[in-house]
Amino acid sequence: MSFKLRNWLLLLVLAVPVTAGWAEQDKYQDTINVFMNAGESGAFFKNAYGYAVFPTIGKGGMGVGGAYGEGRVYAAGKYIGDTKVTQLTVGFQLGGQAYSMIIFFEDERALQEFTSGNFEFGAQASATAITAGASAGTSTTGSSAGVSGGKNDATTVGAGYQKGMATFTVAKGGLMYEASIGGQKFSYTPK
């Protein structure tokens, strides 16, 4: 193999992880931008101690359902660790959907509670749905969503902090009918 060809191949192999890292960063920044520009959720960035952002959470079920997503945690605008969300639900449910989610932490105590290990939202916790041209409703106990229009068409339906945390979602696609019981469980790994 010629010296030039070997160097080009080496450069290509080394560039792939770098471009994958850029793409990874872009999906988080793109999701943050959606929430910054989506009405009421945008105001939380000014005063929140930190936040956890999930670009895509996939959810599906037929009788028994589940959800999974990976995200990042930020404090004072700086990336401090990774988080995962899982959910298992039982009850009437049919379909599948994908959505983005952000959880704002009002103060250091709320962030520490979330990052202390395995954090769980109980079945009574709720999220504010940010809709994009169609009806969408969600909570950690149930969801129904349908989306048309673009992510920049989003508007926010009222929210506030509950126990130091405020949660917003944006439906990305799919349709799910649900009357089920189940909470969301989060894990955290420092950077």
C-alpha atoms as a PDB file:
ATOM      1  CA  MET A   1       0.000   0.000   0.000  1.00  0.00           C
ATOM      2  CA  SER A   2       1.352   3.377  -0.896  1.00  0.00           C
ATOM      3  CA  PHE A   3       2.310   5.876   1.804  1.00  0.00           C
ATOM      4  CA  LYS A   4      -0.330   8.419   0.639  1.00  0.00           C
ATOM      5  CA  LEU A   5      -3.152   5.879   0.539  1.00  0.00           C
ATOM      6  CA  ARG A   6      -2.274   4.589   4.010  1.00  0.00           C
ATOM      7  CA  ASN A   7      -2.264   8.150   5.412  1.00  0.00           C
ATOM      8  CA  TRP A   8      -5.644   8.939   3.832  1.00  0.00           C
ATOM      9  CA  LEU A   9      -7.152   5.753   5.259  1.00  0.00           C
ATOM     10  CA  LEU A  10      -5.706   6.554   8.687  1.00  0.00           C
ATOM     11  CA  LEU A  11      -7.144  10.071   8.510  1.00  0.00           C
ATOM     12  CA  LEU A  12     -10.552   8.682   7.482  1.00  0.00           C
ATOM     13  CA  VAL A  13     -10.581   6.153  10.347  1.00  0.00           C
ATOM     14  CA  LEU A  14      -9.642   8.852  12.863  1.00  0.00           C
ATOM     15  CA  ALA A  15     -12.240  11.301  11.498  1.00  0.00           C
ATOM     16  CA  VAL A  16     -15.234   8.966  11.873  1.00  0.00           C
ATOM     17  CA  PRO A  17     -15.395   9.147  15.707  1.00  0.00           C
ATOM     18  CA  VAL A  18     -14.943  12.924  15.586  1.00  0.00           C
ATOM     19  CA  THR A  19     -17.848  13.394  13.153  1.00  0.00           C
ATOM     20  CA  ALA A  20     -19.962  10.989  15.203  1.00  0.00           C
ATOM     21  CA  GLY A  21     -19.218  13.146  18.271  1.00  0.00           C
ATOM     22  CA  TRP A  22     -20.259  16.269  16.378  1.00  0.00           C
ATOM     23  CA  ALA A  23     -23.498  14.601  15.276  1.00  0.00           C
ATOM     24  CA  GLU A  24     -24.103  13.475  18.870  1.00  0.00           C
ATOM     25  CA  GLN A  25     -23.602  17.024  20.173  1.00  0.00           C
ATOM     26  CA  ASP A  26     -25.831  18.421  17.414  1.00  0.00           C
ATOM     27  CA  LYS A  27     -28.836  16.279  18.390  1.00  0.00           C
ATOM     28  CA  TYR A  28     -28.633  17.532  21.969  1.00  0.00           C
ATOM     29  CA  GLN A  29     -28.171  21.164  20.944  1.00  0.00           C
ATOM     30  CA  ASP A  30     -30.987  20.861  18.379  1.00  0.00           C
ATOM     31  CA  THR A  31     -33.319  19.528  21.076  1.00  0.00           C
ATOM     32  CA  ILE A  32     -32.292  22.266  23.518  1.00  0.00           C
ATOM     33  CA  ASN A  33     -32.996  24.850  20.797  1.00  0.00           C
ATOM     34  CA  VAL A  34     -36.505  23.420  20.271  1.00  0.00           C
ATOM     35  CA  PHE A  35     -37.300  23.874  23.966  1.00  0.00           C
ATOM     36  CA  MET A  36     -35.661  27.332  24.085  1.00  0.00           C
ATOM     37  CA  ASN A  37     -37.950  28.491  21.279  1.00  0.00           C
ATOM     38  CA  ALA A  38     -41.146  26.757  22.416  1.00  0.00           C
ATOM     39  CA  GLY A  39     -42.880  29.354  24.533  1.00  0.00           C
ATOM     40  CA  GLU A  40     -42.959  28.877  28.287  1.00  0.00           C
ATOM     41  CA  SER A  41     -40.211  26.236  28.407  1.00  0.00           C
ATOM     42  CA  GLY A  42     -37.769  28.809  26.982  1.00  0.00           C
ATOM     43  CA  ALA A  43     -38.150  30.995  30.073  1.00  0.00           C
ATOM     44  CA  PHE A  44     -36.933  28.178  32.329  1.00  0.00           C
ATOM     45  CA  PHE A  45     -33.431  28.327  30.809  1.00  0.00           C
ATOM     46  CA  LYS A  46     -32.882  31.762  32.383  1.00  0.00           C
ATOM     47  CA  ASN A  47     -33.534  30.697  35.981  1.00  0.00           C
ATOM     48  CA  ALA A  48     -33.060  26.923  36.182  1.00  0.00           C
ATOM     49  CA  TYR A  49     -30.073  25.583  38.088  1.00  0.00           C
ATOM     50  CA  GLY A  50     -29.723  22.851  35.459  1.00  0.00           C
ATOM     51  CA  TYR A  51     -31.625  20.496  33.189  1.00  0.00           C
ATOM     52  CA  ALA A  52     -31.687  17.004  31.683  1.00  0.00           C
ATOM     53  CA  VAL A  53     -32.488  16.733  27.982  1.00  0.00           C
ATOM     54  CA  PHE A  54     -33.611  13.657  26.047  1.00  0.00           C
ATOM     55  CA  PRO A  55     -33.582  14.115  22.237  1.00  0.00           C
ATOM     56  CA  THR A  56     -35.724  11.013  21.634  1.00  0.00           C
ATOM     57  CA  ILE A  57     -37.675   8.756  23.940  1.00  0.00           C
ATOM     58  CA  GLY A  58     -39.382   5.853  22.205  1.00  0.00           C
ATOM     59  CA  LYS A  59     -42.552   4.486  23.724  1.00  0.00           C
ATOM     60  CA  GLY A  60     -44.787   1.622  22.665  1.00  0.00           C
ATOM     61  CA  GLY A  61     -47.232  -0.871  23.988  1.00  0.00           C
ATOM     62  CA  MET A  62     -50.057  -3.289  23.494  1.00  0.00           C
ATOM     63  CA  GLY A  63     -51.421  -4.163  26.938  1.00  0.00           C
ATOM     64  CA  VAL A  64     -47.936  -3.987  28.431  1.00  0.00           C
ATOM     65  CA  GLY A  65     -45.697  -1.168  27.302  1.00  0.00           C
ATOM     66  CA  GLY A  66     -42.401   0.477  27.840  1.00  0.00           C
ATOM     67  CA  ALA A  67     -40.294   3.484  27.028  1.00  0.00           C
ATOM     68  CA  TYR A  68     -36.569   4.146  26.777  1.00  0.00           C
ATOM     69  CA  GLY A  69     -34.367   7.129  26.047  1.00  0.00           C
ATOM     70  CA  GLU A  70     -30.865   8.456  26.598  1.00  0.00           C
ATOM     71  CA  GLY A  71     -30.013  11.999  27.574  1.00  0.00           C
ATOM     72  CA  ARG A  72     -27.530  14.430  29.031  1.00  0.00           C
ATOM     73  CA  VAL A  73     -27.544  16.452  32.234  1.00  0.00           C
ATOM     74  CA  TYR A  74     -26.377  20.083  32.327  1.00  0.00           C
ATOM     75  CA  ALA A  75     -25.642  22.406  35.258  1.00  0.00           C
ATOM     76  CA  ALA A  76     -25.092  26.120  34.601  1.00  0.00           C
ATOM     77  CA  GLY A  77     -25.179  25.296  30.866  1.00  0.00           C
ATOM     78  CA  LYS A  78     -22.295  22.790  31.109  1.00  0.00           C
ATOM     79  CA  TYR A  79     -22.574  19.090  30.317  1.00  0.00           C
ATOM     80  CA  ILE A  80     -21.965  17.144  33.556  1.00  0.00           C
ATOM     81  CA  GLY A  81     -23.165  13.595  32.839  1.00  0.00           C
ATOM     82  CA  ASP A  82     -25.405  11.114  31.061  1.00  0.00           C
ATOM     83  CA  THR A  83     -28.839   9.875  31.994  1.00  0.00           C
ATOM     84  CA  LYS A  84     -31.217   7.144  30.848  1.00  0.00           C
ATOM     85  CA  VAL A  85     -34.956   6.861  31.305  1.00  0.00           C
ATOM     86  CA  THR A  86     -36.970   3.638  31.363  1.00  0.00           C
ATOM     87  CA  GLN A  87     -40.646   3.092  31.901  1.00  0.00           C
ATOM     88  CA  LEU A  88     -42.806   0.001  32.176  1.00  0.00           C
ATOM     89  CA  THR A  89     -46.589   0.399  31.987  1.00  0.00           C
ATOM     90  CA  VAL A  90     -49.518  -1.953  32.410  1.00  0.00           C
ATOM     91  CA  GLY A  91     -53.080  -1.223  31.299  1.00  0.00           C
ATOM     92  CA  PHE A  92     -55.002  -0.332  28.161  1.00  0.00           C
ATOM     93  CA  GLN A  93     -52.507   0.943  25.607  1.00  0.00           C
ATOM     94  CA  LEU A  94     -51.962   0.517  21.913  1.00  0.00           C
ATOM     95  CA  GLY A  95     -49.470   2.109  19.571  1.00  0.00           C
ATOM     96  CA  GLY A  96     -46.129   3.789  19.663  1.00  0.00           C
ATOM     97  CA  GLN A  97     -44.690   7.262  19.731  1.00  0.00           C
ATOM     98  CA  ALA A  98     -41.458   9.193  19.963  1.00  0.00           C
ATOM     99  CA  TYR A  99     -40.990  12.406  21.877  1.00  0.00           C
ATOM    100  CA  SER A 100     -38.312  14.725  23.233  1.00  0.00           C
ATOM    101  CA  MET A 101     -38.246  15.641  26.913  1.00  0.00           C
ATOM    102  CA  ILE A 102     -36.510  18.173  29.137  1.00  0.00           C
ATOM    103  CA  ILE A 103     -36.506  18.285  32.935  1.00  0.00           C
ATOM    104  CA  PHE A 104     -35.544  21.597  34.567  1.00  0.00           C
ATOM    105  CA  PHE A 105     -34.054  21.662  38.065  1.00  0.00           C
ATOM    106  CA  GLU A 106     -35.059  24.697  40.096  1.00  0.00           C
ATOM    107  CA  ASP A 107     -32.094  24.539  42.474  1.00  0.00           C
ATOM    108  CA  GLU A 108     -29.037  22.527  43.470  1.00  0.00           C
ATOM    109  CA  ARG A 109     -31.105  20.297  45.755  1.00  0.00           C
ATOM    110  CA  ALA A 110     -33.347  19.187  42.872  1.00  0.00           C
ATOM    111  CA  LEU A 111     -30.342  18.477  40.638  1.00  0.00           C
ATOM    112  CA  GLN A 112     -28.666  16.460  43.406  1.00  0.00           C
ATOM    113  CA  GLU A 113     -31.849  14.476  43.965  1.00  0.00           C
ATOM    114  CA  PHE A 114     -31.975  13.602  40.262  1.00  0.00           C
ATOM    115  CA  THR A 115     -28.261  12.746  40.000  1.00  0.00           C
ATOM    116  CA  SER A 116     -28.038  10.838  43.310  1.00  0.00           C
ATOM    117  CA  GLY A 117     -28.364   7.459  41.598  1.00  0.00           C
ATOM    118  CA  ASN A 118     -31.643   5.957  40.550  1.00  0.00           C
ATOM    119  CA  PHE A 119     -34.307   8.655  40.563  1.00  0.00           C
ATOM    120  CA  GLU A 120     -37.949   7.859  39.859  1.00  0.00           C
ATOM    121  CA  PHE A 121     -40.991   9.958  39.005  1.00  0.00           C
ATOM    122  CA  GLY A 122     -44.040   8.413  40.614  1.00  0.00           C
ATOM    123  CA  ALA A 123     -47.235   7.711  38.730  1.00  0.00           C
ATOM    124  CA  GLN A 124     -48.688  11.068  39.851  1.00  0.00           C
ATOM    125  CA  ALA A 125     -45.924  13.196  38.232  1.00  0.00           C
ATOM    126  CA  SER A 126     -46.849  15.032  35.068  1.00  0.00           C
ATOM    127  CA  ALA A 127     -45.225  16.728  32.114  1.00  0.00           C
ATOM    128  CA  THR A 128     -46.379  19.689  30.077  1.00  0.00           C
ATOM    129  CA  ALA A 129     -46.912  18.822  26.449  1.00  0.00           C
ATOM    130  CA  ILE A 130     -45.627  21.248  23.858  1.00  0.00           C
ATOM    131  CA  THR A 131     -47.726  20.689  20.774  1.00  0.00           C
ATOM    132  CA  ALA A 132     -46.719  21.126  17.168  1.00  0.00           C
ATOM    133  CA  GLY A 133     -49.847  21.725  15.131  1.00  0.00           C
ATOM    134  CA  ALA A 134     -51.943  18.913  16.635  1.00  0.00           C
ATOM    135  CA  SER A 135     -53.195  17.498  19.872  1.00  0.00           C
ATOM    136  CA  ALA A 136     -50.717  16.022  22.318  1.00  0.00           C
ATOM    137  CA  GLY A 137     -50.989  15.221  25.958  1.00  0.00           C
ATOM    138  CA  THR A 138     -48.549  13.414  28.175  1.00  0.00           C
ATOM    139  CA  SER A 139     -47.673  12.591  31.714  1.00  0.00           C
ATOM    140  CA  THR A 140     -45.606   9.884  33.267  1.00  0.00           C
ATOM    141  CA  THR A 141     -48.868   7.990  33.728  1.00  0.00           C
ATOM    142  CA  GLY A 142     -50.223   8.191  30.191  1.00  0.00           C
ATOM    143  CA  SER A 143     -49.976   9.774  26.797  1.00  0.00           C
ATOM    144  CA  SER A 144     -51.762  10.362  23.573  1.00  0.00           C
ATOM    145  CA  ALA A 145     -50.167  12.295  20.785  1.00  0.00           C
ATOM    146  CA  GLY A 146     -50.395  13.036  17.122  1.00  0.00           C
ATOM    147  CA  VAL A 147     -48.183  15.503  15.335  1.00  0.00           C
ATOM    148  CA  SER A 148     -48.381  17.609  12.230  1.00  0.00           C
ATOM    149  CA  GLY A 149     -46.451  20.722  11.466  1.00  0.00           C
ATOM    150  CA  GLY A 150     -42.848  21.387  12.306  1.00  0.00           C
ATOM    151  CA  LYS A 151     -40.939  21.524  15.543  1.00  0.00           C
ATOM    152  CA  ASN A 152     -40.715  25.304  15.172  1.00  0.00           C
ATOM    153  CA  ASP A 153     -44.535  25.522  15.309  1.00  0.00           C
ATOM    154  CA  ALA A 154     -44.549  24.446  18.945  1.00  0.00           C
ATOM    155  CA  THR A 155     -46.547  26.246  21.600  1.00  0.00           C
ATOM    156  CA  THR A 156     -46.557  25.563  25.312  1.00  0.00           C
ATOM    157  CA  VAL A 157     -49.445  24.765  27.592  1.00  0.00           C
ATOM    158  CA  GLY A 158     -48.855  26.095  31.192  1.00  0.00           C
ATOM    159  CA  ALA A 159     -46.336  24.559  33.613  1.00  0.00           C
ATOM    160  CA  GLY A 160     -44.356  25.217  36.750  1.00  0.00           C
ATOM    161  CA  TYR A 161     -41.990  23.571  39.187  1.00  0.00           C
ATOM    162  CA  GLN A 162     -43.283  20.669  41.253  1.00  0.00           C
ATOM    163  CA  LYS A 163     -40.919  19.520  44.006  1.00  0.00           C
ATOM    164  CA  GLY A 164     -38.122  21.498  42.341  1.00  0.00           C
ATOM    165  CA  MET A 165     -38.562  20.049  38.843  1.00  0.00           C
ATOM    166  CA  ALA A 166     -40.487  21.057  35.723  1.00  0.00           C
ATOM    167  CA  THR A 167     -40.891  18.685  32.789  1.00  0.00           C
ATOM    168  CA  PHE A 168     -41.793  19.473  29.174  1.00  0.00           C
ATOM    169  CA  THR A 169     -42.257  17.157  26.205  1.00  0.00           C
ATOM    170  CA  VAL A 170     -42.497  17.642  22.456  1.00  0.00           C
ATOM    171  CA  ALA A 171     -44.192  14.897  20.463  1.00  0.00           C
ATOM    172  CA  LYS A 172     -42.056  13.873  17.484  1.00  0.00           C
ATOM    173  CA  GLY A 173     -44.341  11.346  15.854  1.00  0.00           C
ATOM    174  CA  GLY A 174     -46.581   8.358  16.266  1.00  0.00           C
ATOM    175  CA  LEU A 175     -49.911   7.796  17.922  1.00  0.00           C
ATOM    176  CA  MET A 176     -50.565   6.091  21.209  1.00  0.00           C
ATOM    177  CA  TYR A 177     -53.774   5.568  23.133  1.00  0.00           C
ATOM    178  CA  GLU A 178     -53.190   4.859  26.754  1.00  0.00           C
ATOM    179  CA  ALA A 179     -54.844   4.517  30.132  1.00  0.00           C
ATOM    180  CA  SER A 180     -52.065   2.850  32.054  1.00  0.00           C
ATOM    181  CA  ILE A 181     -50.104   2.982  35.282  1.00  0.00           C
ATOM    182  CA  GLY A 182     -46.332   3.307  35.472  1.00  0.00           C
ATOM    183  CA  GLY A 183     -43.623   5.702  36.548  1.00  0.00           C
ATOM    184  CA  GLN A 184     -40.415   6.756  34.870  1.00  0.00           C
ATOM    185  CA  LYS A 185     -37.085   5.665  36.313  1.00  0.00           C
ATOM    186  CA  PHE A 186     -33.862   7.583  35.618  1.00  0.00           C
ATOM    187  CA  SER A 187     -30.238   6.590  36.026  1.00  0.00           C
ATOM    188  CA  TYR A 188     -27.280   8.997  36.027  1.00  0.00           C
ATOM    189  CA  THR A 189     -23.604   8.564  35.193  1.00  0.00           C
ATOM    190  CA  PRO A 190     -21.236  11.508  35.770  1.00  0.00           C
ATOM    191  CA  LYS A 191     -19.132  12.663  32.824  1.00  0.00           C
END
